[in-house]
Amino acid sequence: MFKGTVPVEIRAMLYELSQGWQAEALAVACSGNFTIERVFAGRFPLLSCDVTIYSGALGAWFSRQPFRLELKPELHEAFGWVLEGMADPAGATATVMLMTAFTDALDKNMQVKPNAYYRRVVDAYRRKWPEMLDKTRARLESSPLRIETYHAGDAVDWLPTLPPSVAVATFPPFFGGDYEAMFGKLDALFDWDKPTYQEIFEERRKIFLDALMNRPHWAIGTRERLPQLEPYLRGTAKTTNRGVPLYLYAPAGVARAVAPRQQTEAVAVPRLAPGERLGERLWIAPLAYPYFAALRSQYMNETIKPGMPTQAYAVLVDDRLIGCYAVQKGYKVPNAEADALYLLSDFPVAPSDYPRLAKLVLYAALSKEGRLLAERVSKSRVRYMVTTAFTNNPVSMKYRGLFNLHSRKEAGDKSPFQFQLQYVAEAGRWTLDEGLKEWKLKHGSTREPSE
């Protein structure tokens, strides 16, 4: 099962591949959030199987089977407000759905994270719980999806019990630990009839694939390419530049491929050009993604794969664009307690008369004003900025002096660079005005200083 939903492109491919299927029912092994069932709803009787609390609650509801859900006794004092509505099936299912997102506010000990943002999240859930529960229950009760049976158990054991006349569509977890990572906190909150299962590795993967392919109609999606199924490859989809590619296999059908298309918009702001001197006012402006993508494509090293930022920013001096940077939230500094924001991209415009213009972009990102913008994105205090440099040198001259080298490792055979360096810097160390003055003093020469 993939986190979130199976991409719409893969669902469209799956629907097309199944047009000629003649089957008495369709089974979905590893149902996840029942995206695949929705593709086939109304076309076949549906049989589903999975092992998580989230899938178990939804599967029981859609098949009108009982589902036992109890808040663990030791958590009644802290989270007793979720008990409202849990006695009926729709309420229990709605509770699981709502608490899936809520657990982001809890640490591994099931305590609210010591963070003002998460404390507000918990308070809002507590105050609005009856309203949220009613709305989610209504959505469940109005859903037209119905499945014949839901099997709470190991898909490898379940699949061979299905007759060949049953078609199978599956997106199995051929990778370790993902189920536990996604729903471990829900398991820590609730008692339920949790099934036992084994991960689908090695010999169990072979058993799974044999049971899948021992029937006329089947389809399997994976996050890795399977050499043994190469003759059956019918679809590939990669919807973003750094997105995980997905592969769809089936015994027959038209082959399709989906590749990312980057949306860009031309930036009309004047850029610092050769022969121009920098002014006196350094400032930062939020930048919409299409504009950032256009600038990144023009100025960033083409050997570095672009990622999707949470927010991008333009860095300007007076009315001239001098560079951009972008951040991504949710990054934790390794071996440290404080939250950090990840500096995903940073680059200057070029050409210009300033060889170290890239450092001025970093001065802006690390400024007090830059930290305030970062905290609006992360909805929490930002004490550090973290970034990664790919280089053939043991240190990065761009980050040296502003960031501290946190780790160094070989970049790997597939990288055009020798080293992958991780840097950490304290955020908010100067104002934008102070940063510009220091940069001009240390790095503002129009020729490259000797080291």
Protein backbone atom coordinates (compact mmCIF):
# COMPACT_ATOMS: atom_id res chain seq x y z
CA MET A 1 0.00 0.00 0.00
CA PHE A 2 1.21 3.49 -0.80
CA LYS A 3 0.86 6.43 1.53
CA GLY A 4 -2.08 8.49 0.39
CA THR A 5 -4.03 7.47 -2.66
CA VAL A 6 -2.87 5.64 -5.75
CA PRO A 7 -2.24 8.40 -8.34
CA VAL A 8 -5.10 9.12 -10.70
CA GLU A 9 -2.87 8.28 -13.68
CA ILE A 10 -2.34 4.73 -12.41
CA ARG A 11 -6.05 4.40 -11.63
CA ALA A 12 -6.89 5.40 -15.19
CA MET A 13 -4.43 2.83 -16.55
CA LEU A 14 -5.87 0.16 -14.29
CA TYR A 15 -9.40 0.92 -15.39
CA GLU A 16 -8.37 0.71 -19.04
CA LEU A 17 -6.49 -2.58 -18.56
CA SER A 18 -9.51 -4.20 -16.91
CA GLN A 19 -12.00 -3.40 -19.67
CA GLY A 20 -11.93 -6.92 -21.07
CA TRP A 21 -11.88 -8.79 -17.77
CA GLN A 22 -14.52 -11.49 -17.32
CA ALA A 23 -14.50 -12.36 -13.63
CA GLU A 24 -17.04 -13.41 -11.02
CA ALA A 25 -15.51 -10.94 -8.53
CA LEU A 26 -12.53 -8.67 -8.03
CA ALA A 27 -10.23 -9.03 -5.04
CA VAL A 28 -8.01 -6.23 -3.77
CA ALA A 29 -5.06 -7.46 -1.73
CA CYS A 30 -3.60 -4.73 0.53
CA SER A 31 -6.58 -2.39 0.22
CA GLY A 32 -5.03 0.64 1.93
CA ASN A 33 -7.63 3.41 1.78
CA PHE A 34 -9.79 1.58 -0.79
CA THR A 35 -8.78 3.68 -3.77
CA ILE A 36 -8.66 0.61 -6.02
CA GLU A 37 -12.08 -0.54 -4.85
CA ARG A 38 -13.47 2.81 -5.99
CA VAL A 39 -12.06 2.20 -9.49
CA PHE A 40 -14.07 -1.02 -9.79
CA ALA A 41 -17.15 -0.12 -7.76
CA GLY A 42 -20.29 -1.25 -9.60
CA ARG A 43 -18.36 -3.37 -12.13
CA PHE A 44 -17.54 -6.40 -9.97
CA PRO A 45 -18.45 -7.75 -6.55
CA LEU A 46 -15.52 -6.64 -4.38
CA LEU A 47 -13.41 -8.65 -1.92
CA SER A 48 -10.84 -6.81 0.17
CA CYS A 49 -7.95 -7.62 2.47
CA ASP A 50 -5.48 -5.71 4.65
CA VAL A 51 -3.96 -5.64 8.13
CA THR A 52 -3.90 -2.03 9.37
CA ILE A 53 -6.28 -0.40 11.83
CA TYR A 54 -7.20 2.21 9.23
CA SER A 55 -8.06 -0.34 6.53
CA GLY A 56 -9.73 -2.56 9.11
CA ALA A 57 -12.10 0.17 10.22
CA LEU A 58 -12.99 1.18 6.66
CA GLY A 59 -13.23 -2.43 5.47
CA ALA A 60 -15.58 -3.32 8.28
CA TRP A 61 -17.77 -0.32 7.49
CA PHE A 62 -17.94 -0.88 3.73
CA SER A 63 -18.73 -4.58 4.25
CA ARG A 64 -21.03 -3.95 7.23
CA GLN A 65 -18.97 -6.20 9.47
CA PRO A 66 -18.35 -5.55 13.18
CA PHE A 67 -15.16 -3.74 14.23
CA ARG A 68 -13.95 -3.60 17.81
CA LEU A 69 -12.34 -0.28 18.76
CA GLU A 70 -11.48 0.73 22.32
CA LEU A 71 -9.40 3.60 23.62
CA LYS A 72 -6.63 2.17 25.78
CA PRO A 73 -7.50 2.63 29.47
CA GLU A 74 -4.30 4.48 30.36
CA LEU A 75 -5.15 7.15 27.76
CA HIS A 76 -8.71 7.89 28.94
CA GLU A 77 -7.63 10.89 31.01
CA ALA A 78 -5.72 12.55 28.16
CA PHE A 79 -7.95 11.59 25.22
CA GLY A 80 -11.27 10.57 26.72
CA TRP A 81 -13.03 13.15 24.57
CA VAL A 82 -12.68 10.79 21.55
CA LEU A 83 -14.98 8.24 23.20
CA GLU A 84 -18.03 10.14 22.01
CA GLY A 85 -19.60 8.22 19.14
CA MET A 86 -17.28 5.19 19.28
CA ALA A 87 -20.08 2.86 20.31
CA ASP A 88 -21.65 2.73 16.82
CA PRO A 89 -19.88 1.44 13.65
CA ALA A 90 -19.93 4.72 11.74
CA GLY A 91 -18.64 6.62 14.78
CA ALA A 92 -15.82 4.14 15.38
CA THR A 93 -14.72 4.34 11.74
CA ALA A 94 -14.95 8.12 11.75
CA THR A 95 -12.82 8.21 14.91
CA VAL A 96 -10.05 6.19 13.26
CA MET A 97 -10.13 8.40 10.18
CA LEU A 98 -9.90 11.62 12.19
CA MET A 99 -7.24 10.36 14.59
CA THR A 100 -4.97 9.30 11.71
CA ALA A 101 -4.05 12.95 11.13
CA PHE A 102 -4.29 13.84 14.82
CA THR A 103 -1.41 11.52 15.75
CA ASP A 104 1.03 13.86 14.00
CA ALA A 105 0.72 16.01 17.14
CA LEU A 106 1.90 13.16 19.41
CA ASP A 107 5.41 11.96 20.15
CA LYS A 108 6.42 8.31 20.43
CA ASN A 109 5.31 8.25 24.09
CA MET A 110 1.80 9.44 23.09
CA GLN A 111 2.39 12.82 24.66
CA VAL A 112 1.50 16.07 22.89
CA LYS A 113 4.65 17.44 21.27
CA PRO A 114 6.11 20.45 23.16
CA ASN A 115 5.29 22.85 20.39
CA ALA A 116 2.77 25.71 20.39
CA TYR A 117 1.39 24.71 17.00
CA TYR A 118 0.65 21.10 18.02
CA ARG A 119 -0.84 22.22 21.33
CA ARG A 120 -3.25 24.38 19.34
CA VAL A 121 -4.03 21.42 17.05
CA VAL A 122 -4.92 19.22 20.03
CA ASP A 123 -7.02 21.96 21.61
CA ALA A 124 -8.90 22.49 18.33
CA TYR A 125 -9.60 18.75 17.99
CA ARG A 126 -10.92 18.61 21.56
CA ARG A 127 -13.20 21.62 21.12
CA LYS A 128 -14.50 20.71 17.68
CA TRP A 129 -14.62 16.93 18.11
CA PRO A 130 -18.44 16.53 18.08
CA GLU A 131 -18.71 18.65 14.93
CA MET A 132 -15.84 16.87 13.18
CA LEU A 133 -17.23 13.47 14.16
CA ASP A 134 -20.70 14.27 12.82
CA LYS A 135 -19.32 15.50 9.48
CA THR A 136 -17.09 12.46 9.01
CA ARG A 137 -19.87 10.08 10.02
CA ALA A 138 -22.15 11.75 7.45
CA ARG A 139 -19.54 11.27 4.72
CA LEU A 140 -19.26 7.59 5.57
CA GLU A 141 -23.00 7.06 5.64
CA SER A 142 -23.43 8.75 2.26
CA SER A 143 -20.64 6.79 0.56
CA PRO A 144 -22.01 4.40 -2.11
CA LEU A 145 -19.03 2.04 -1.87
CA ARG A 146 -19.88 -1.49 -0.75
CA ILE A 147 -17.68 -4.57 -0.61
CA GLU A 148 -18.84 -8.15 -0.25
CA THR A 149 -16.25 -9.20 2.33
CA TYR A 150 -13.27 -7.74 4.11
CA HIS A 151 -10.54 -10.09 5.33
CA ALA A 152 -8.43 -8.70 8.19
CA GLY A 153 -5.35 -10.79 7.66
CA ASP A 154 -2.20 -11.63 5.75
CA ALA A 155 -2.62 -11.15 2.00
CA VAL A 156 -0.03 -13.83 1.19
CA ASP A 157 -2.16 -16.41 3.02
CA TRP A 158 -5.44 -15.04 1.66
CA LEU A 159 -4.63 -14.81 -2.02
CA PRO A 160 -4.17 -18.58 -2.69
CA THR A 161 -7.64 -19.24 -1.23
CA LEU A 162 -9.30 -17.28 -4.05
CA PRO A 163 -10.44 -19.26 -7.10
CA PRO A 164 -8.92 -18.42 -10.52
CA SER A 165 -12.25 -16.96 -11.61
CA VAL A 166 -11.63 -14.03 -9.22
CA ALA A 167 -9.57 -11.19 -10.71
CA VAL A 168 -7.01 -9.52 -8.46
CA ALA A 169 -5.70 -5.95 -8.34
CA THR A 170 -3.05 -5.14 -5.76
CA PHE A 171 -0.49 -2.56 -4.72
CA PRO A 172 1.47 -4.58 -2.13
CA PRO A 173 4.08 -3.25 0.32
CA PHE A 174 7.25 -4.85 -1.06
CA PHE A 175 9.31 -2.70 1.33
CA GLY A 176 9.93 -2.90 5.05
CA GLY A 177 8.39 -1.10 7.99
CA ASP A 178 5.98 1.16 6.13
CA TYR A 179 2.77 -0.16 7.71
CA GLU A 180 4.17 0.23 11.21
CA ALA A 181 5.43 3.73 10.48
CA MET A 182 2.07 4.89 9.12
CA PHE A 183 -0.24 3.51 11.79
CA GLY A 184 1.96 2.75 14.80
CA LYS A 185 0.57 5.64 16.84
CA LEU A 186 -3.02 4.61 16.11
CA ASP A 187 -2.16 1.13 17.38
CA ALA A 188 -0.74 2.76 20.50
CA LEU A 189 -4.00 4.70 21.03
CA PHE A 190 -6.52 1.93 20.52
CA ASP A 191 -7.15 -1.70 21.30
CA TRP A 192 -8.57 -3.59 18.33
CA ASP A 193 -8.47 -7.09 16.91
CA LYS A 194 -5.11 -6.68 15.22
CA PRO A 195 -4.29 -9.51 12.80
CA THR A 196 -0.88 -11.13 12.61
CA TYR A 197 1.05 -10.96 9.37
CA GLN A 198 4.52 -11.16 7.86
CA GLU A 199 6.12 -8.71 5.48
CA ILE A 200 6.18 -9.74 1.83
CA PHE A 201 9.85 -10.51 1.29
CA GLU A 202 11.84 -13.19 -0.53
CA GLU A 203 9.99 -16.54 -0.50
CA ARG A 204 6.72 -14.95 0.58
CA ARG A 205 6.94 -12.56 -2.33
CA LYS A 206 7.25 -15.54 -4.70
CA ILE A 207 4.20 -17.19 -3.11
CA PHE A 208 2.28 -13.94 -3.48
CA LEU A 209 3.21 -13.47 -7.15
CA ASP A 210 2.48 -17.10 -8.02
CA ALA A 211 -0.98 -16.88 -6.46
CA LEU A 212 -1.58 -13.59 -8.25
CA MET A 213 -0.54 -14.76 -11.71
CA ASN A 214 -2.29 -18.13 -11.49
CA ARG A 215 -5.47 -16.61 -12.89
CA PRO A 216 -6.53 -15.03 -16.20
CA HIS A 217 -6.99 -11.48 -14.91
CA TRP A 218 -4.66 -9.65 -12.56
CA ALA A 219 -2.82 -6.35 -12.11
CA ILE A 220 -0.09 -5.35 -9.70
CA GLY A 221 1.44 -1.95 -9.01
CA THR A 222 4.84 -1.51 -7.35
CA ARG A 223 7.31 1.18 -6.39
CA GLU A 224 10.15 -0.89 -7.78
CA ARG A 225 10.69 -2.47 -11.16
CA LEU A 226 10.30 -6.25 -11.03
CA PRO A 227 12.58 -8.01 -13.56
CA GLN A 228 10.58 -11.25 -13.37
CA LEU A 229 7.47 -9.35 -14.51
CA GLU A 230 9.11 -7.29 -17.24
CA PRO A 231 7.11 -8.95 -20.09
CA TYR A 232 3.92 -7.81 -18.32
CA LEU A 233 4.84 -4.14 -17.83
CA ARG A 234 1.81 -2.11 -18.94
CA GLY A 235 2.27 1.25 -17.26
CA THR A 236 4.79 3.60 -15.69
CA ALA A 237 3.98 6.84 -13.92
CA LYS A 238 6.22 9.48 -12.40
CA THR A 239 4.18 12.58 -11.72
CA THR A 240 6.90 14.82 -10.22
CA ASN A 241 10.61 15.17 -10.87
CA ARG A 242 11.57 13.62 -7.55
CA GLY A 243 8.47 11.52 -7.16
CA VAL A 244 8.67 7.77 -6.69
CA PRO A 245 8.11 6.04 -10.07
CA LEU A 246 5.24 3.56 -10.08
CA TYR A 247 5.03 0.48 -12.29
CA LEU A 248 1.86 -1.35 -13.31
CA TYR A 249 1.94 -4.96 -14.52
CA ALA A 250 -0.85 -7.00 -16.12
CA PRO A 251 -1.03 -9.96 -18.55
CA ALA A 252 -2.51 -7.93 -21.41
CA GLY A 253 -3.41 -4.41 -22.46
CA VAL A 254 -2.04 -1.24 -24.02
CA ALA A 255 1.18 0.11 -22.50
CA ARG A 256 1.07 3.67 -21.15
CA ALA A 257 3.64 6.04 -19.65
CA VAL A 258 3.22 9.24 -17.65
CA ALA A 259 6.14 11.65 -17.15
CA PRO A 260 6.27 14.85 -15.09
CA ARG A 261 5.57 18.15 -16.78
CA GLN A 262 6.89 21.23 -15.04
CA GLN A 263 4.62 24.26 -14.99
CA THR A 264 6.62 27.45 -15.46
CA GLU A 265 5.87 31.15 -15.76
CA ALA A 266 8.22 33.86 -17.02
CA VAL A 267 9.49 36.23 -14.34
CA ALA A 268 9.28 39.87 -15.36
CA VAL A 269 11.36 41.25 -12.46
CA PRO A 270 14.68 42.79 -13.63
CA ARG A 271 17.72 40.71 -12.71
CA LEU A 272 21.15 41.82 -11.65
CA ALA A 273 23.23 41.98 -14.83
CA PRO A 274 26.94 42.34 -15.64
CA GLY A 275 28.10 45.90 -15.13
CA GLU A 276 25.43 46.67 -12.50
CA ARG A 277 26.28 47.39 -8.87
CA LEU A 278 24.21 46.25 -5.91
CA GLY A 279 22.02 48.74 -4.08
CA GLU A 280 21.41 49.15 -0.35
CA ARG A 281 18.17 47.31 0.44
CA LEU A 282 18.10 43.51 0.70
CA TRP A 283 14.61 42.00 0.86
CA ILE A 284 12.74 38.72 0.42
CA ALA A 285 9.46 38.07 -1.41
CA PRO A 286 7.43 34.81 -1.49
CA LEU A 287 7.52 33.32 -4.96
CA ALA A 288 4.78 31.21 -6.57
CA TYR A 289 5.97 27.81 -7.72
CA PRO A 290 5.68 28.33 -11.52
CA TYR A 291 7.96 31.40 -11.30
CA PHE A 292 10.43 29.59 -9.06
CA ALA A 293 10.45 26.59 -11.42
CA ALA A 294 11.32 28.83 -14.36
CA LEU A 295 14.19 30.46 -12.48
CA ARG A 296 15.43 27.13 -11.12
CA SER A 297 15.50 25.64 -14.61
CA GLN A 298 17.56 28.59 -15.83
CA TYR A 299 20.07 28.96 -13.01
CA MET A 300 20.38 25.82 -10.89
CA ASN A 301 22.94 23.10 -11.66
CA GLU A 302 21.22 20.80 -14.14
CA THR A 303 22.81 17.68 -12.63
CA ILE A 304 20.86 18.20 -9.37
CA LYS A 305 17.39 16.72 -9.46
CA PRO A 306 14.76 19.33 -8.53
CA GLY A 307 12.36 18.73 -5.66
CA MET A 308 8.97 20.18 -4.76
CA PRO A 309 9.36 23.00 -2.21
CA THR A 310 6.89 23.90 0.50
CA GLN A 311 7.58 27.56 -0.28
CA ALA A 312 9.98 29.44 -2.54
CA TYR A 313 11.32 32.98 -2.18
CA ALA A 314 12.89 35.62 -4.40
CA VAL A 315 15.87 37.52 -2.99
CA LEU A 316 16.20 41.09 -4.23
CA VAL A 317 18.44 44.10 -3.71
CA ASP A 318 16.49 47.26 -4.42
CA ASP A 319 14.57 46.40 -7.62
CA ARG A 320 16.96 43.72 -8.88
CA LEU A 321 16.46 39.98 -8.47
CA ILE A 322 19.74 38.48 -7.24
CA GLY A 323 18.66 34.89 -6.55
CA CYS A 324 16.14 32.48 -5.05
CA TYR A 325 15.84 29.90 -2.33
CA ALA A 326 13.19 27.34 -1.39
CA VAL A 327 12.37 25.50 1.83
CA GLN A 328 10.72 22.24 2.74
CA LYS A 329 9.09 21.66 6.11
CA GLY A 330 9.13 18.57 8.28
CA TYR A 331 12.89 18.06 8.45
CA LYS A 332 14.58 17.02 11.68
CA VAL A 333 18.23 17.79 12.39
CA PRO A 334 19.89 14.38 12.90
CA ASN A 335 21.09 13.79 16.46
CA ALA A 336 19.42 16.99 17.69
CA GLU A 337 16.17 17.83 19.42
CA ALA A 338 15.35 21.14 17.75
CA ASP A 339 13.16 21.34 14.69
CA ALA A 340 14.73 22.66 11.53
CA LEU A 341 13.60 23.77 8.12
CA TYR A 342 15.22 22.20 5.11
CA LEU A 343 16.83 24.53 2.58
CA LEU A 344 15.87 22.63 -0.55
CA SER A 345 17.36 24.95 -3.19
CA ASP A 346 19.39 28.15 -3.30
CA PHE A 347 21.00 29.81 -6.28
CA PRO A 348 21.98 33.26 -7.61
CA VAL A 349 21.18 34.78 -10.97
CA ALA A 350 23.99 34.73 -13.52
CA PRO A 351 26.03 36.16 -15.01
CA SER A 352 26.94 39.11 -12.76
CA ASP A 353 30.08 40.88 -11.60
CA TYR A 354 29.88 39.25 -8.14
CA PRO A 355 31.53 35.79 -7.92
CA ARG A 356 30.08 35.20 -4.45
CA LEU A 357 26.53 36.33 -5.05
CA ALA A 358 25.37 32.85 -3.96
CA LYS A 359 26.43 33.66 -0.39
CA LEU A 360 24.15 36.71 -0.35
CA VAL A 361 21.18 34.43 -1.03
CA LEU A 362 22.22 32.42 2.05
CA TYR A 363 22.55 35.58 4.14
CA ALA A 364 18.94 36.37 3.25
CA ALA A 365 17.71 32.85 4.05
CA LEU A 366 19.45 32.91 7.47
CA SER A 367 18.24 36.40 8.41
CA LYS A 368 15.74 37.22 11.15
CA GLU A 369 13.22 38.12 8.47
CA GLY A 370 13.96 34.83 6.70
CA ARG A 371 13.40 32.92 9.94
CA LEU A 372 10.03 34.64 10.44
CA LEU A 373 8.96 33.55 6.94
CA ALA A 374 10.23 30.05 7.70
CA GLU A 375 8.17 29.86 10.89
CA ARG A 376 5.04 30.81 8.97
CA VAL A 377 5.68 27.83 6.71
CA SER A 378 6.54 25.32 9.44
CA LYS A 379 3.94 26.64 11.95
CA SER A 380 6.56 26.19 14.66
CA ARG A 381 9.80 27.71 15.89
CA VAL A 382 12.67 27.33 13.43
CA ARG A 383 16.06 27.33 15.09
CA TYR A 384 18.13 25.81 12.33
CA MET A 385 18.34 25.58 8.56
CA VAL A 386 19.63 22.33 7.09
CA THR A 387 20.79 21.76 3.54
CA THR A 388 22.63 19.22 1.40
CA ALA A 389 25.45 19.95 -1.01
CA PHE A 390 26.56 17.60 -3.77
CA THR A 391 30.16 18.25 -4.79
CA ASN A 392 33.44 16.66 -5.83
CA ASN A 393 35.22 18.50 -3.01
CA PRO A 394 35.27 17.51 0.69
CA VAL A 395 33.74 20.90 1.63
CA SER A 396 31.42 23.35 -0.13
CA MET A 397 32.87 26.83 -0.49
CA LYS A 398 29.37 28.27 -0.86
CA TYR A 399 28.22 27.05 2.56
CA ARG A 400 31.53 27.27 4.41
CA GLY A 401 31.56 30.07 6.95
CA LEU A 402 27.77 30.33 7.17
CA PHE A 403 26.85 26.68 7.75
CA ASN A 404 28.58 24.01 9.82
CA LEU A 405 29.43 20.69 8.18
CA HIS A 406 27.26 18.09 9.88
CA SER A 407 28.07 14.97 7.87
CA ARG A 408 29.97 13.82 4.81
CA LYS A 409 29.42 10.63 2.84
CA GLU A 410 30.05 9.21 -0.59
CA ALA A 411 27.34 10.28 -3.02
CA GLY A 412 27.10 6.83 -4.63
CA ASP A 413 27.75 5.35 -8.05
CA LYS A 414 24.60 6.85 -9.62
CA SER A 415 25.55 10.42 -8.67
CA PRO A 416 27.76 12.62 -10.86
CA PHE A 417 29.34 13.96 -7.66
CA GLN A 418 31.74 12.31 -5.24
CA PHE A 419 30.39 13.67 -1.95
CA GLN A 420 27.06 14.36 -0.31
CA LEU A 421 27.55 16.94 2.43
CA GLN A 422 24.98 17.94 5.01
CA TYR A 423 25.22 21.41 6.52
CA VAL A 424 23.42 22.99 9.50
CA ALA A 425 23.19 26.68 10.39
CA GLU A 426 21.47 28.62 13.13
CA ALA A 427 18.62 30.70 11.71
CA GLY A 428 17.92 34.37 12.46
CA ARG A 429 21.45 35.51 13.25
CA TRP A 430 21.16 38.96 11.65
CA THR A 431 18.70 41.30 10.03
CA LEU A 432 18.61 41.66 6.26
CA ASP A 433 20.33 45.05 6.52
CA GLU A 434 23.07 43.58 8.71
CA GLY A 435 23.47 40.62 6.40
CA LEU A 436 23.91 42.78 3.31
CA LYS A 437 26.51 44.95 5.06
CA GLU A 438 28.49 41.91 6.24
CA TRP A 439 28.30 40.28 2.82
CA LYS A 440 29.57 43.44 1.13
CA LEU A 441 32.45 43.63 3.61
CA LYS A 442 33.47 39.96 3.34
CA HIS A 443 32.28 38.79 -0.07
CA GLY A 444 31.20 41.80 -2.11
CA SER A 445 34.28 42.05 -4.30
CA THR A 446 33.66 42.05 -8.03
CA ARG A 447 36.58 39.68 -8.52
CA GLU A 448 37.19 36.31 -6.89
CA PRO A 449 39.36 36.82 -3.77
CA SER A 450 42.28 34.46 -3.21
CA GLU A 451 41.71 31.99 -0.42
